[in-house]
């Protein structure tokens, strides 16, 4: 599958399955699926915390560029559309993140601050 095809199909699938999600999540999903399938990055803005975390998921399985479209969707759908987690938040410490959905960086900073208060 070519990069542009994977990117377009993932965007269409994401919007169909998660019609109420912010455009930022659709972009992270489409970019991430296309990256896992082809090994090429780019696409629709970003990278956001969600996109960085999705990339780490792909690298942890050692298959970036070798995923089928369906397996890539399964690997990153929850990361891109599920609730923001502490794993997402740690991307702010390790990566340059932008194009996050409104309020998500603030929510992530609160998660990181809460961790510091506990320690």
PDB file of N, CA and C in Angstrom:
ATOM      1  N   UNK A   1       0.859  -1.183   0.000  1.00  0.00           N
ATOM      2  CA  UNK A   1       0.000   0.000   0.000  1.00  0.00           C
ATOM      3  C   UNK A   1       0.894   1.232   0.000  1.00  0.00           C
ATOM      4  N   UNK A   2       0.574   2.196  -0.823  1.00  0.00           N
ATOM      5  CA  UNK A   2       1.319   3.447  -0.910  1.00  0.00           C
ATOM      6  C   UNK A   2       0.932   4.386   0.241  1.00  0.00           C
ATOM      7  N   UNK A   3       1.839   5.306   0.574  1.00  0.00           N
ATOM      8  CA  UNK A   3       1.627   6.222   1.687  1.00  0.00           C
ATOM      9  C   UNK A   3       0.328   7.020   1.548  1.00  0.00           C
ATOM     10  N   UNK A   4       0.141   7.676   0.406  1.00  0.00           N
ATOM     11  CA  UNK A   4      -1.056   8.513   0.231  1.00  0.00           C
ATOM     12  C   UNK A   4      -2.341   7.712   0.361  1.00  0.00           C
ATOM     13  N   UNK A   5      -2.332   6.493  -0.122  1.00  0.00           N
ATOM     14  CA  UNK A   5      -3.510   5.627  -0.027  1.00  0.00           C
ATOM     15  C   UNK A   5      -3.788   5.262   1.429  1.00  0.00           C
ATOM     16  N   UNK A   6      -2.754   4.884   2.163  1.00  0.00           N
ATOM     17  CA  UNK A   6      -2.921   4.544   3.578  1.00  0.00           C
ATOM     18  C   UNK A   6      -3.413   5.747   4.368  1.00  0.00           C
ATOM     19  N   UNK A   7      -2.844   6.914   4.096  1.00  0.00           N
ATOM     20  CA  UNK A   7      -3.216   8.140   4.799  1.00  0.00           C
ATOM     21  C   UNK A   7      -4.690   8.482   4.560  1.00  0.00           C
ATOM     22  N   UNK A   8      -5.099   8.442   3.308  1.00  0.00           N
ATOM     23  CA  UNK A   8      -6.477   8.779   2.956  1.00  0.00           C
ATOM     24  C   UNK A   8      -7.462   7.767   3.526  1.00  0.00           C
ATOM     25  N   UNK A   9      -7.159   6.498   3.384  1.00  0.00           N
ATOM     26  CA  UNK A   9      -8.069   5.461   3.903  1.00  0.00           C
ATOM     27  C   UNK A   9      -8.193   5.547   5.420  1.00  0.00           C
ATOM     28  N   UNK A  10      -7.087   5.797   6.096  1.00  0.00           N
ATOM     29  CA  UNK A  10      -7.132   5.901   7.557  1.00  0.00           C
ATOM     30  C   UNK A  10      -7.943   7.119   7.991  1.00  0.00           C
ATOM     31  N   UNK A  11      -7.792   8.237   7.300  1.00  0.00           N
ATOM     32  CA  UNK A  11      -8.568   9.431   7.636  1.00  0.00           C
ATOM     33  C   UNK A  11     -10.056   9.151   7.454  1.00  0.00           C
ATOM     34  N   UNK A  12     -10.424   8.545   6.345  1.00  0.00           N
ATOM     35  CA  UNK A  12     -11.834   8.234   6.085  1.00  0.00           C
ATOM     36  C   UNK A  12     -12.386   7.254   7.114  1.00  0.00           C
ATOM     37  N   UNK A  13     -11.616   6.232   7.446  1.00  0.00           N
ATOM     38  CA  UNK A  13     -12.049   5.243   8.440  1.00  0.00           C
ATOM     39  C   UNK A  13     -12.216   5.896   9.809  1.00  0.00           C
ATOM     40  N   UNK A  14     -11.243   6.685  10.214  1.00  0.00           N
ATOM     41  CA  UNK A  14     -11.313   7.351  11.515  1.00  0.00           C
ATOM     42  C   UNK A  14     -12.526   8.251  11.632  1.00  0.00           C
ATOM     43  N   UNK A  15     -12.790   9.025  10.596  1.00  0.00           N
ATOM     44  CA  UNK A  15     -13.950   9.923  10.626  1.00  0.00           C
ATOM     45  C   UNK A  15     -15.261   9.141  10.636  1.00  0.00           C
ATOM     46  N   UNK A  16     -15.290   8.006   9.955  1.00  0.00           N
ATOM     47  CA  UNK A  16     -16.508   7.184   9.938  1.00  0.00           C
ATOM     48  C   UNK A  16     -16.758   6.525  11.294  1.00  0.00           C
ATOM     49  N   UNK A  17     -15.710   6.016  11.925  1.00  0.00           N
ATOM     50  CA  UNK A  17     -15.865   5.294  13.199  1.00  0.00           C
ATOM     51  C   UNK A  17     -15.923   6.215  14.411  1.00  0.00           C
ATOM     52  N   UNK A  18     -15.324   7.377  14.306  1.00  0.00           N
ATOM     53  CA  UNK A  18     -15.207   8.298  15.452  1.00  0.00           C
ATOM     54  C   UNK A  18     -15.625   9.699  15.010  1.00  0.00           C
ATOM     55  N   UNK A  19     -16.843   9.799  14.537  1.00  0.00           N
ATOM     56  CA  UNK A  19     -17.310  11.048  13.930  1.00  0.00           C
ATOM     57  C   UNK A  19     -17.320  12.227  14.899  1.00  0.00           C
ATOM     58  N   UNK A  20     -17.392  11.976  16.194  1.00  0.00           N
ATOM     59  CA  UNK A  20     -17.431  13.066  17.170  1.00  0.00           C
ATOM     60  C   UNK A  20     -16.040  13.490  17.662  1.00  0.00           C
ATOM     61  N   UNK A  21     -15.014  12.781  17.233  1.00  0.00           N
ATOM     62  CA  UNK A  21     -13.651  13.085  17.693  1.00  0.00           C
ATOM     63  C   UNK A  21     -13.136  14.369  17.051  1.00  0.00           C
ATOM     64  N   UNK A  22     -12.225  15.055  17.737  1.00  0.00           N
ATOM     65  CA  UNK A  22     -11.632  16.261  17.151  1.00  0.00           C
ATOM     66  C   UNK A  22     -10.784  15.918  15.914  1.00  0.00           C
ATOM     67  N   UNK A  23     -10.659  16.872  15.020  1.00  0.00           N
ATOM     68  CA  UNK A  23      -9.839  16.696  13.823  1.00  0.00           C
ATOM     69  C   UNK A  23      -8.401  16.318  14.190  1.00  0.00           C
ATOM     70  N   UNK A  24      -7.911  16.800  15.318  1.00  0.00           N
ATOM     71  CA  UNK A  24      -6.554  16.495  15.770  1.00  0.00           C
ATOM     72  C   UNK A  24      -6.373  14.980  15.958  1.00  0.00           C
ATOM     73  N   UNK A  25      -7.411  14.312  16.462  1.00  0.00           N
ATOM     74  CA  UNK A  25      -7.333  12.869  16.663  1.00  0.00           C
ATOM     75  C   UNK A  25      -7.364  12.140  15.325  1.00  0.00           C
ATOM     76  N   UNK A  26      -8.181  12.625  14.402  1.00  0.00           N
ATOM     77  CA  UNK A  26      -8.216  12.022  13.065  1.00  0.00           C
ATOM     78  C   UNK A  26      -6.849  12.137  12.394  1.00  0.00           C
ATOM     79  N   UNK A  27      -6.216  13.301  12.522  1.00  0.00           N
ATOM     80  CA  UNK A  27      -4.901  13.504  11.918  1.00  0.00           C
ATOM     81  C   UNK A  27      -3.862  12.570  12.541  1.00  0.00           C
ATOM     82  N   UNK A  28      -3.867  12.462  13.867  1.00  0.00           N
ATOM     83  CA  UNK A  28      -2.918  11.567  14.531  1.00  0.00           C
ATOM     84  C   UNK A  28      -3.126  10.125  14.082  1.00  0.00           C
ATOM     85  N   UNK A  29      -4.369   9.719  13.969  1.00  0.00           N
ATOM     86  CA  UNK A  29      -4.689   8.353  13.551  1.00  0.00           C
ATOM     87  C   UNK A  29      -4.230   8.098  12.119  1.00  0.00           C
ATOM     88  N   UNK A  30      -4.595   8.978  11.208  1.00  0.00           N
ATOM     89  CA  UNK A  30      -4.225   8.789   9.799  1.00  0.00           C
ATOM     90  C   UNK A  30      -2.706   8.796   9.633  1.00  0.00           C
ATOM     91  N   UNK A  31      -2.036   9.744  10.250  1.00  0.00           N
ATOM     92  CA  UNK A  31      -0.576   9.819  10.156  1.00  0.00           C
ATOM     93  C   UNK A  31       0.071   8.565  10.728  1.00  0.00           C
ATOM     94  N   UNK A  32      -0.444   8.095  11.848  1.00  0.00           N
ATOM     95  CA  UNK A  32       0.146   6.934  12.521  1.00  0.00           C
ATOM     96  C   UNK A  32      -0.063   5.654  11.733  1.00  0.00           C
ATOM     97  N   UNK A  33      -1.257   5.451  11.229  1.00  0.00           N
ATOM     98  CA  UNK A  33      -1.525   4.251  10.426  1.00  0.00           C
ATOM     99  C   UNK A  33      -0.624   4.259   9.185  1.00  0.00           C
ATOM    100  N   UNK A  34      -0.565   5.379   8.497  1.00  0.00           N
ATOM    101  CA  UNK A  34       0.272   5.461   7.292  1.00  0.00           C
ATOM    102  C   UNK A  34       1.735   5.205   7.628  1.00  0.00           C
ATOM    103  N   UNK A  35       2.194   5.707   8.765  1.00  0.00           N
ATOM    104  CA  UNK A  35       3.580   5.485   9.199  1.00  0.00           C
ATOM    105  C   UNK A  35       3.855   4.012   9.467  1.00  0.00           C
ATOM    106  N   UNK A  36       2.950   3.353  10.179  1.00  0.00           N
ATOM    107  CA  UNK A  36       3.172   1.946  10.492  1.00  0.00           C
ATOM    108  C   UNK A  36       3.131   1.070   9.244  1.00  0.00           C
ATOM    109  N   UNK A  37       2.294   1.434   8.287  1.00  0.00           N
ATOM    110  CA  UNK A  37       2.164   0.644   7.061  1.00  0.00           C
ATOM    111  C   UNK A  37       3.360   0.857   6.136  1.00  0.00           C
ATOM    112  N   UNK A  38       3.816   2.106   6.002  1.00  0.00           N
ATOM    113  CA  UNK A  38       4.832   2.410   4.986  1.00  0.00           C
ATOM    114  C   UNK A  38       6.207   2.766   5.541  1.00  0.00           C
ATOM    115  N   UNK A  39       6.272   3.179   6.810  1.00  0.00           N
ATOM    116  CA  UNK A  39       7.525   3.650   7.381  1.00  0.00           C
ATOM    117  C   UNK A  39       7.807   5.115   7.062  1.00  0.00           C
ATOM    118  N   UNK A  40       6.891   5.754   6.349  1.00  0.00           N
ATOM    119  CA  UNK A  40       7.052   7.169   5.986  1.00  0.00           C
ATOM    120  C   UNK A  40       6.195   8.038   6.906  1.00  0.00           C
ATOM    121  N   UNK A  41       6.729   9.194   7.286  1.00  0.00           N
ATOM    122  CA  UNK A  41       5.957  10.091   8.142  1.00  0.00           C
ATOM    123  C   UNK A  41       5.577  11.348   7.377  1.00  0.00           C
ATOM    124  N   UNK A  42       4.658  12.084   7.952  1.00  0.00           N
ATOM    125  CA  UNK A  42       4.154  13.303   7.330  1.00  0.00           C
ATOM    126  C   UNK A  42       2.661  13.349   7.480  1.00  0.00           C
ATOM    127  N   UNK A  43       1.995  13.843   6.482  1.00  0.00           N
ATOM    128  CA  UNK A  43       0.536  13.808   6.489  1.00  0.00           C
ATOM    129  C   UNK A  43      -0.104  15.079   6.945  1.00  0.00           C
ATOM    130  N   UNK A  44      -0.991  14.928   7.917  1.00  0.00           N
ATOM    131  CA  UNK A  44      -1.869  16.004   8.360  1.00  0.00           C
ATOM    132  C   UNK A  44      -1.354  16.647   9.641  1.00  0.00           C
ATOM    133  N   UNK A  45      -0.409  17.551   9.553  1.00  0.00           N
ATOM    134  CA  UNK A  45       0.052  18.264  10.739  1.00  0.00           C
ATOM    135  C   UNK A  45       0.775  17.364  11.712  1.00  0.00           C
ATOM    136  N   UNK A  46       0.879  17.837  12.946  1.00  0.00           N
ATOM    137  CA  UNK A  46       1.511  17.059  13.993  1.00  0.00           C
ATOM    138  C   UNK A  46       3.026  17.171  13.941  1.00  0.00           C
ATOM    139  N   UNK A  47       3.660  16.428  14.790  1.00  0.00           N
ATOM    140  CA  UNK A  47       3.171  15.315  15.586  1.00  0.00           C
ATOM    141  C   UNK A  47       2.645  15.750  16.954  1.00  0.00           C
ATOM    142  N   UNK A  48       1.560  15.141  17.318  1.00  0.00           N
ATOM    143  CA  UNK A  48       0.936  15.377  18.617  1.00  0.00           C
ATOM    144  C   UNK A  48       1.440  14.333  19.609  1.00  0.00           C
ATOM    145  N   UNK A  49       1.021  14.472  20.864  1.00  0.00           N
ATOM    146  CA  UNK A  49       1.352  13.458  21.870  1.00  0.00           C
ATOM    147  C   UNK A  49       0.832  12.094  21.430  1.00  0.00           C
ATOM    148  N   UNK A  50      -0.384  12.074  20.901  1.00  0.00           N
ATOM    149  CA  UNK A  50      -0.991  10.814  20.472  1.00  0.00           C
ATOM    150  C   UNK A  50      -0.188  10.186  19.334  1.00  0.00           C
ATOM    151  N   UNK A  51       0.268  11.005  18.406  1.00  0.00           N
ATOM    152  CA  UNK A  51       1.040  10.484  17.281  1.00  0.00           C
ATOM    153  C   UNK A  51       2.393   9.955  17.754  1.00  0.00           C
ATOM    154  N   UNK A  52       3.051  10.670  18.651  1.00  0.00           N
ATOM    155  CA  UNK A  52       4.322  10.177  19.191  1.00  0.00           C
ATOM    156  C   UNK A  52       4.128   8.854  19.934  1.00  0.00           C
ATOM    157  N   UNK A  53       3.076   8.756  20.732  1.00  0.00           N
ATOM    158  CA  UNK A  53       2.820   7.521  21.469  1.00  0.00           C
ATOM    159  C   UNK A  53       2.511   6.371  20.508  1.00  0.00           C
ATOM    160  N   UNK A  54       1.740   6.638  19.468  1.00  0.00           N
ATOM    161  CA  UNK A  54       1.430   5.607  18.472  1.00  0.00           C
ATOM    162  C   UNK A  54       2.706   5.125  17.788  1.00  0.00           C
ATOM    163  N   UNK A  55       3.612   6.029  17.508  1.00  0.00           N
ATOM    164  CA  UNK A  55       4.897   5.657  16.908  1.00  0.00           C
ATOM    165  C   UNK A  55       5.673   4.730  17.836  1.00  0.00           C
ATOM    166  N   UNK A  56       5.646   5.028  19.119  1.00  0.00           N
ATOM    167  CA  UNK A  56       6.348   4.159  20.084  1.00  0.00           C
ATOM    168  C   UNK A  56       5.722   2.771  20.133  1.00  0.00           C
ATOM    169  N   UNK A  57       4.420   2.717  20.009  1.00  0.00           N
ATOM    170  CA  UNK A  57       3.753   1.408  19.963  1.00  0.00           C
ATOM    171  C   UNK A  57       4.277   0.618  18.771  1.00  0.00           C
ATOM    172  N   UNK A  58       4.337   1.249  17.620  1.00  0.00           N
ATOM    173  CA  UNK A  58       4.846   0.572  16.428  1.00  0.00           C
ATOM    174  C   UNK A  58       6.286   0.127  16.575  1.00  0.00           C
ATOM    175  N   UNK A  59       7.123   0.997  17.137  1.00  0.00           N
ATOM    176  CA  UNK A  59       8.533   0.642  17.316  1.00  0.00           C
ATOM    177  C   UNK A  59       8.713  -0.460  18.348  1.00  0.00           C
ATOM    178  N   UNK A  60       7.862  -0.483  19.365  1.00  0.00           N
ATOM    179  CA  UNK A  60       7.996  -1.516  20.402  1.00  0.00           C
ATOM    180  C   UNK A  60       7.726  -2.905  19.839  1.00  0.00           C
ATOM    181  N   UNK A  61       6.945  -2.959  18.781  1.00  0.00           N
ATOM    182  CA  UNK A  61       6.646  -4.239  18.145  1.00  0.00           C
ATOM    183  C   UNK A  61       7.595  -4.527  16.984  1.00  0.00           C
ATOM    184  N   UNK A  62       8.498  -3.580  16.690  1.00  0.00           N
ATOM    185  CA  UNK A  62       9.527  -3.777  15.684  1.00  0.00           C
ATOM    186  C   UNK A  62       9.022  -3.987  14.268  1.00  0.00           C
ATOM    187  N   UNK A  63       7.896  -3.391  13.931  1.00  0.00           N
ATOM    188  CA  UNK A  63       7.311  -3.656  12.630  1.00  0.00           C
ATOM    189  C   UNK A  63       7.011  -2.407  11.818  1.00  0.00           C
ATOM    190  N   UNK A  64       7.544  -1.263  12.171  1.00  0.00           N
ATOM    191  CA  UNK A  64       7.240  -0.040  11.423  1.00  0.00           C
ATOM    192  C   UNK A  64       7.603  -0.252   9.957  1.00  0.00           C
ATOM    193  N   UNK A  65       6.650   0.030   9.102  1.00  0.00           N
ATOM    194  CA  UNK A  65       6.825  -0.161   7.669  1.00  0.00           C
ATOM    195  C   UNK A  65       6.396  -1.523   7.173  1.00  0.00           C
ATOM    196  N   UNK A  66       6.032  -2.411   8.093  1.00  0.00           N
ATOM    197  CA  UNK A  66       5.661  -3.777   7.701  1.00  0.00           C
ATOM    198  C   UNK A  66       4.268  -4.179   8.180  1.00  0.00           C
ATOM    199  N   UNK A  67       3.534  -3.280   8.777  1.00  0.00           N
ATOM    200  CA  UNK A  67       2.174  -3.574   9.233  1.00  0.00           C
ATOM    201  C   UNK A  67       1.232  -3.672   8.034  1.00  0.00           C
ATOM    202  N   UNK A  68       0.237  -4.525   8.143  1.00  0.00           N
ATOM    203  CA  UNK A  68      -0.885  -4.449   7.208  1.00  0.00           C
ATOM    204  C   UNK A  68      -1.725  -3.251   7.649  1.00  0.00           C
ATOM    205  N   UNK A  69      -2.562  -2.742   6.786  1.00  0.00           N
ATOM    206  CA  UNK A  69      -3.432  -1.631   7.137  1.00  0.00           C
ATOM    207  C   UNK A  69      -4.289  -1.997   8.340  1.00  0.00           C
ATOM    208  N   UNK A  70      -4.884  -3.176   8.315  1.00  0.00           N
ATOM    209  CA  UNK A  70      -5.774  -3.608   9.395  1.00  0.00           C
ATOM    210  C   UNK A  70      -5.030  -3.724  10.722  1.00  0.00           C
ATOM    211  N   UNK A  71      -3.820  -4.284  10.703  1.00  0.00           N
ATOM    212  CA  UNK A  71      -3.050  -4.419  11.936  1.00  0.00           C
ATOM    213  C   UNK A  71      -2.607  -3.058  12.474  1.00  0.00           C
ATOM    214  N   UNK A  72      -2.289  -2.135  11.583  1.00  0.00           N
ATOM    215  CA  UNK A  72      -1.919  -0.787  12.014  1.00  0.00           C
ATOM    216  C   UNK A  72      -3.101  -0.098  12.691  1.00  0.00           C
ATOM    217  N   UNK A  73      -4.283  -0.252  12.106  1.00  0.00           N
ATOM    218  CA  UNK A  73      -5.490   0.325  12.704  1.00  0.00           C
ATOM    219  C   UNK A  73      -5.680  -0.223  14.115  1.00  0.00           C
ATOM    220  N   UNK A  74      -5.592  -1.534  14.264  1.00  0.00           N
ATOM    221  CA  UNK A  74      -5.760  -2.156  15.580  1.00  0.00           C
ATOM    222  C   UNK A  74      -4.705  -1.679  16.572  1.00  0.00           C
ATOM    223  N   UNK A  75      -3.483  -1.493  16.098  1.00  0.00           N
ATOM    224  CA  UNK A  75      -2.380  -1.119  16.992  1.00  0.00           C
ATOM    225  C   UNK A  75      -2.528   0.284  17.565  1.00  0.00           C
ATOM    226  N   UNK A  76      -3.092   1.225  16.790  1.00  0.00           N
ATOM    227  CA  UNK A  76      -3.061   2.624  17.233  1.00  0.00           C
ATOM    228  C   UNK A  76      -4.432   3.272  17.446  1.00  0.00           C
ATOM    229  N   UNK A  77      -5.506   2.577  17.151  1.00  0.00           N
ATOM    230  CA  UNK A  77      -6.823   3.217  17.265  1.00  0.00           C
ATOM    231  C   UNK A  77      -7.105   3.727  18.674  1.00  0.00           C
ATOM    232  N   UNK A  78      -6.878   2.906  19.676  1.00  0.00           N
ATOM    233  CA  UNK A  78      -7.164   3.343  21.046  1.00  0.00           C
ATOM    234  C   UNK A  78      -6.236   4.477  21.471  1.00  0.00           C
ATOM    235  N   UNK A  79      -4.999   4.401  21.056  1.00  0.00           N
ATOM    236  CA  UNK A  79      -4.035   5.453  21.386  1.00  0.00           C
ATOM    237  C   UNK A  79      -4.471   6.792  20.810  1.00  0.00           C
ATOM    238  N   UNK A  80      -5.021   6.768  19.616  1.00  0.00           N
ATOM    239  CA  UNK A  80      -5.408   8.014  18.940  1.00  0.00           C
ATOM    240  C   UNK A  80      -6.793   8.510  19.320  1.00  0.00           C
ATOM    241  N   UNK A  81      -7.676   7.611  19.705  1.00  0.00           N
ATOM    242  CA  UNK A  81      -9.061   8.009  19.990  1.00  0.00           C
ATOM    243  C   UNK A  81      -9.494   7.774  21.434  1.00  0.00           C
ATOM    244  N   UNK A  82      -8.745   7.009  22.194  1.00  0.00           N
ATOM    245  CA  UNK A  82      -9.124   6.735  23.572  1.00  0.00           C
ATOM    246  C   UNK A  82      -8.797   7.902  24.490  1.00  0.00           C
ATOM    247  N   UNK A  83      -9.060   7.706  25.771  1.00  0.00           N
ATOM    248  CA  UNK A  83      -8.759   8.761  26.743  1.00  0.00           C
ATOM    249  C   UNK A  83      -7.262   9.069  26.781  1.00  0.00           C
ATOM    250  N   UNK A  84      -6.933  10.295  27.100  1.00  0.00           N
ATOM    251  CA  UNK A  84      -5.543  10.685  27.277  1.00  0.00           C
ATOM    252  C   UNK A  84      -4.999   9.961  28.502  1.00  0.00           C
ATOM    253  N   UNK A  85      -3.820   9.379  28.378  1.00  0.00           N
ATOM    254  CA  UNK A  85      -3.224   8.611  29.472  1.00  0.00           C
ATOM    255  C   UNK A  85      -1.899   9.234  29.911  1.00  0.00           C
ATOM    256  N   UNK A  86      -1.362   8.698  30.983  1.00  0.00           N
ATOM    257  CA  UNK A  86      -0.061   9.155  31.451  1.00  0.00           C
ATOM    258  C   UNK A  86       1.015   8.878  30.401  1.00  0.00           C
ATOM    259  N   UNK A  87       0.901   7.762  29.674  1.00  0.00           N
ATOM    260  CA  UNK A  87       1.864   7.468  28.608  1.00  0.00           C
ATOM    261  C   UNK A  87       1.853   8.570  27.549  1.00  0.00           C
ATOM    262  N   UNK A  88       0.667   9.063  27.201  1.00  0.00           N
ATOM    263  CA  UNK A  88       0.594  10.190  26.269  1.00  0.00           C
ATOM    264  C   UNK A  88       1.311  11.399  26.873  1.00  0.00           C
ATOM    265  N   UNK A  89       1.022  11.667  28.143  1.00  0.00           N
ATOM    266  CA  UNK A  89       1.570  12.858  28.805  1.00  0.00           C
ATOM    267  C   UNK A  89       3.092  12.851  28.805  1.00  0.00           C
ATOM    268  N   UNK A  90       3.700  11.687  28.974  1.00  0.00           N
ATOM    269  CA  UNK A  90       5.169  11.635  29.021  1.00  0.00           C
ATOM    270  C   UNK A  90       5.806  12.032  27.695  1.00  0.00           C
ATOM    271  N   UNK A  91       5.038  12.043  26.627  1.00  0.00           N
ATOM    272  CA  UNK A  91       5.578  12.486  25.343  1.00  0.00           C
ATOM    273  C   UNK A  91       6.010  13.942  25.403  1.00  0.00           C
ATOM    274  N   UNK A  92       5.369  14.742  26.276  1.00  0.00           N
ATOM    275  CA  UNK A  92       5.751  16.147  26.432  1.00  0.00           C
ATOM    276  C   UNK A  92       7.158  16.279  26.994  1.00  0.00           C
ATOM    277  N   UNK A  93       7.590  15.296  27.767  1.00  0.00           N
ATOM    278  CA  UNK A  93       8.924  15.330  28.360  1.00  0.00           C
ATOM    279  C   UNK A  93       9.999  14.896  27.369  1.00  0.00           C
ATOM    280  N   UNK A  94       9.622  14.039  26.427  1.00  0.00           N
ATOM    281  CA  UNK A  94      10.607  13.407  25.547  1.00  0.00           C
ATOM    282  C   UNK A  94      10.596  13.901  24.109  1.00  0.00           C
ATOM    283  N   UNK A  95       9.511  14.492  23.667  1.00  0.00           N
ATOM    284  CA  UNK A  95       9.332  14.814  22.252  1.00  0.00           C
ATOM    285  C   UNK A  95       8.829  16.237  22.082  1.00  0.00           C
ATOM    286  N   UNK A  96       8.972  16.749  20.870  1.00  0.00           N
ATOM    287  CA  UNK A  96       8.381  18.039  20.517  1.00  0.00           C
ATOM    288  C   UNK A  96       6.964  17.752  20.018  1.00  0.00           C
ATOM    289  N   UNK A  97       5.963  18.164  20.776  1.00  0.00           N
ATOM    290  CA  UNK A  97       4.561  17.857  20.463  1.00  0.00           C
ATOM    291  C   UNK A  97       3.805  19.144  20.139  1.00  0.00           C
ATOM    292  N   UNK A  98       3.012  19.081  19.087  1.00  0.00           N
ATOM    293  CA  UNK A  98       2.117  20.180  18.748  1.00  0.00           C
ATOM    294  C   UNK A  98       0.965  19.590  17.949  1.00  0.00           C
ATOM    295  N   UNK A  99      -0.004  20.392  17.651  1.00  0.00           N
ATOM    296  CA  UNK A  99      -1.230  19.940  16.982  1.00  0.00           C
ATOM    297  C   UNK A  99      -2.030  18.962  17.842  1.00  0.00           C
ATOM    298  N   UNK A 100      -1.955  19.138  19.155  1.00  0.00           N
ATOM    299  CA  UNK A 100      -2.793  18.352  20.051  1.00  0.00           C
ATOM    300  C   UNK A 100      -4.179  18.991  20.100  1.00  0.00           C
ATOM    301  N   UNK A 101      -5.177  18.188  20.410  1.00  0.00           N
ATOM    302  CA  UNK A 101      -6.535  18.720  20.543  1.00  0.00           C
ATOM    303  C   UNK A 101      -6.549  19.772  21.654  1.00  0.00           C
ATOM    304  N   UNK A 102      -7.411  20.776  21.525  1.00  0.00           N
ATOM    305  CA  UNK A 102      -7.479  21.827  22.542  1.00  0.00           C
ATOM    306  C   UNK A 102      -7.657  21.247  23.948  1.00  0.00           C
ATOM    307  N   UNK A 103      -6.824  21.732  24.853  1.00  0.00           N
ATOM    308  CA  UNK A 103      -6.888  21.315  26.250  1.00  0.00           C
ATOM    309  C   UNK A 103      -6.085  20.076  26.590  1.00  0.00           C
ATOM    310  N   UNK A 104      -5.647  19.311  25.603  1.00  0.00           N
ATOM    311  CA  UNK A 104      -4.955  18.062  25.920  1.00  0.00           C
ATOM    312  C   UNK A 104      -3.558  18.287  26.502  1.00  0.00           C
ATOM    313  N   UNK A 105      -2.845  19.298  26.034  1.00  0.00           N
ATOM    314  CA  UNK A 105      -1.539  19.543  26.640  1.00  0.00           C
ATOM    315  C   UNK A 105      -1.683  19.994  28.083  1.00  0.00           C
ATOM    316  N   UNK A 106      -2.700  20.793  28.381  1.00  0.00           N
ATOM    317  CA  UNK A 106      -2.953  21.201  29.770  1.00  0.00           C
ATOM    318  C   UNK A 106      -3.287  19.985  30.630  1.00  0.00           C
ATOM    319  N   UNK A 107      -4.131  19.103  30.106  1.00  0.00           N
ATOM    320  CA  UNK A 107      -4.490  17.884  30.834  1.00  0.00           C
ATOM    321  C   UNK A 107      -3.242  17.027  31.075  1.00  0.00           C
ATOM    322  N   UNK A 108      -2.390  16.919  30.085  1.00  0.00           N
ATOM    323  CA  UNK A 108      -1.158  16.135  30.222  1.00  0.00           C
ATOM    324  C   UNK A 108      -0.225  16.762  31.258  1.00  0.00           C
ATOM    325  N   UNK A 109      -0.106  18.083  31.242  1.00  0.00           N
ATOM    326  CA  UNK A 109       0.742  18.763  32.234  1.00  0.00           C
ATOM    327  C   UNK A 109       0.230  18.517  33.652  1.00  0.00           C
ATOM    328  N   UNK A 110      -1.096  18.469  33.811  1.00  0.00           N
ATOM    329  CA  UNK A 110      -1.673  18.177  35.123  1.00  0.00           C
ATOM    330  C   UNK A 110      -1.319  16.757  35.562  1.00  0.00           C
ATOM    331  N   UNK A 111      -1.349  15.810  34.642  1.00  0.00           N
ATOM    332  CA  UNK A 111      -0.965  14.429  34.962  1.00  0.00           C
ATOM    333  C   UNK A 111       0.486  14.366  35.407  1.00  0.00           C
ATOM    334  N   UNK A 112       1.354  15.069  34.681  1.00  0.00           N
ATOM    335  CA  UNK A 112       2.775  15.068  35.028  1.00  0.00           C
ATOM    336  C   UNK A 112       3.016  15.746  36.381  1.00  0.00           C
ATOM    337  N   UNK A 113       2.313  16.837  36.643  1.00  0.00           N
ATOM    338  CA  UNK A 113       2.458  17.539  37.921  1.00  0.00           C
ATOM    339  C   UNK A 113       1.980  16.677  39.072  1.00  0.00           C
ATOM    340  N   UNK A 114       0.889  15.946  38.867  1.00  0.00           N
ATOM    341  CA  UNK A 114       0.381  15.063  39.911  1.00  0.00           C
ATOM    342  C   UNK A 114       1.389  13.985  40.271  1.00  0.00           C
ATOM    343  N   UNK A 115       2.102  13.492  39.264  1.00  0.00           N
ATOM    344  CA  UNK A 115       3.141  12.483  39.517  1.00  0.00           C
ATOM    345  C   UNK A 115       4.238  13.074  40.388  1.00  0.00           C
ATOM    346  N   UNK A 116       4.656  14.315  40.097  1.00  0.00           N
ATOM    347  CA  UNK A 116       5.707  14.945  40.865  1.00  0.00           C
ATOM    348  C   UNK A 116       5.285  15.164  42.314  1.00  0.00           C
ATOM    349  N   UNK A 117       4.019  15.497  42.535  1.00  0.00           N
ATOM    350  CA  UNK A 117       3.516  15.729  43.891  1.00  0.00           C
ATOM    351  C   UNK A 117       3.512  14.439  44.699  1.00  0.00           C
ATOM    352  N   UNK A 118       3.285  13.303  44.032  1.00  0.00           N
ATOM    353  CA  UNK A 118       3.269  12.019  44.742  1.00  0.00           C
ATOM    354  C   UNK A 118       4.661  11.563  45.123  1.00  0.00           C
ATOM    355  N   UNK A 119       5.654  11.995  44.356  1.00  0.00           N
ATOM    356  CA  UNK A 119       7.037  11.527  44.601  1.00  0.00           C
ATOM    357  C   UNK A 119       7.729  12.377  45.589  1.00  0.00           C
TER     358      UNK A 119
END
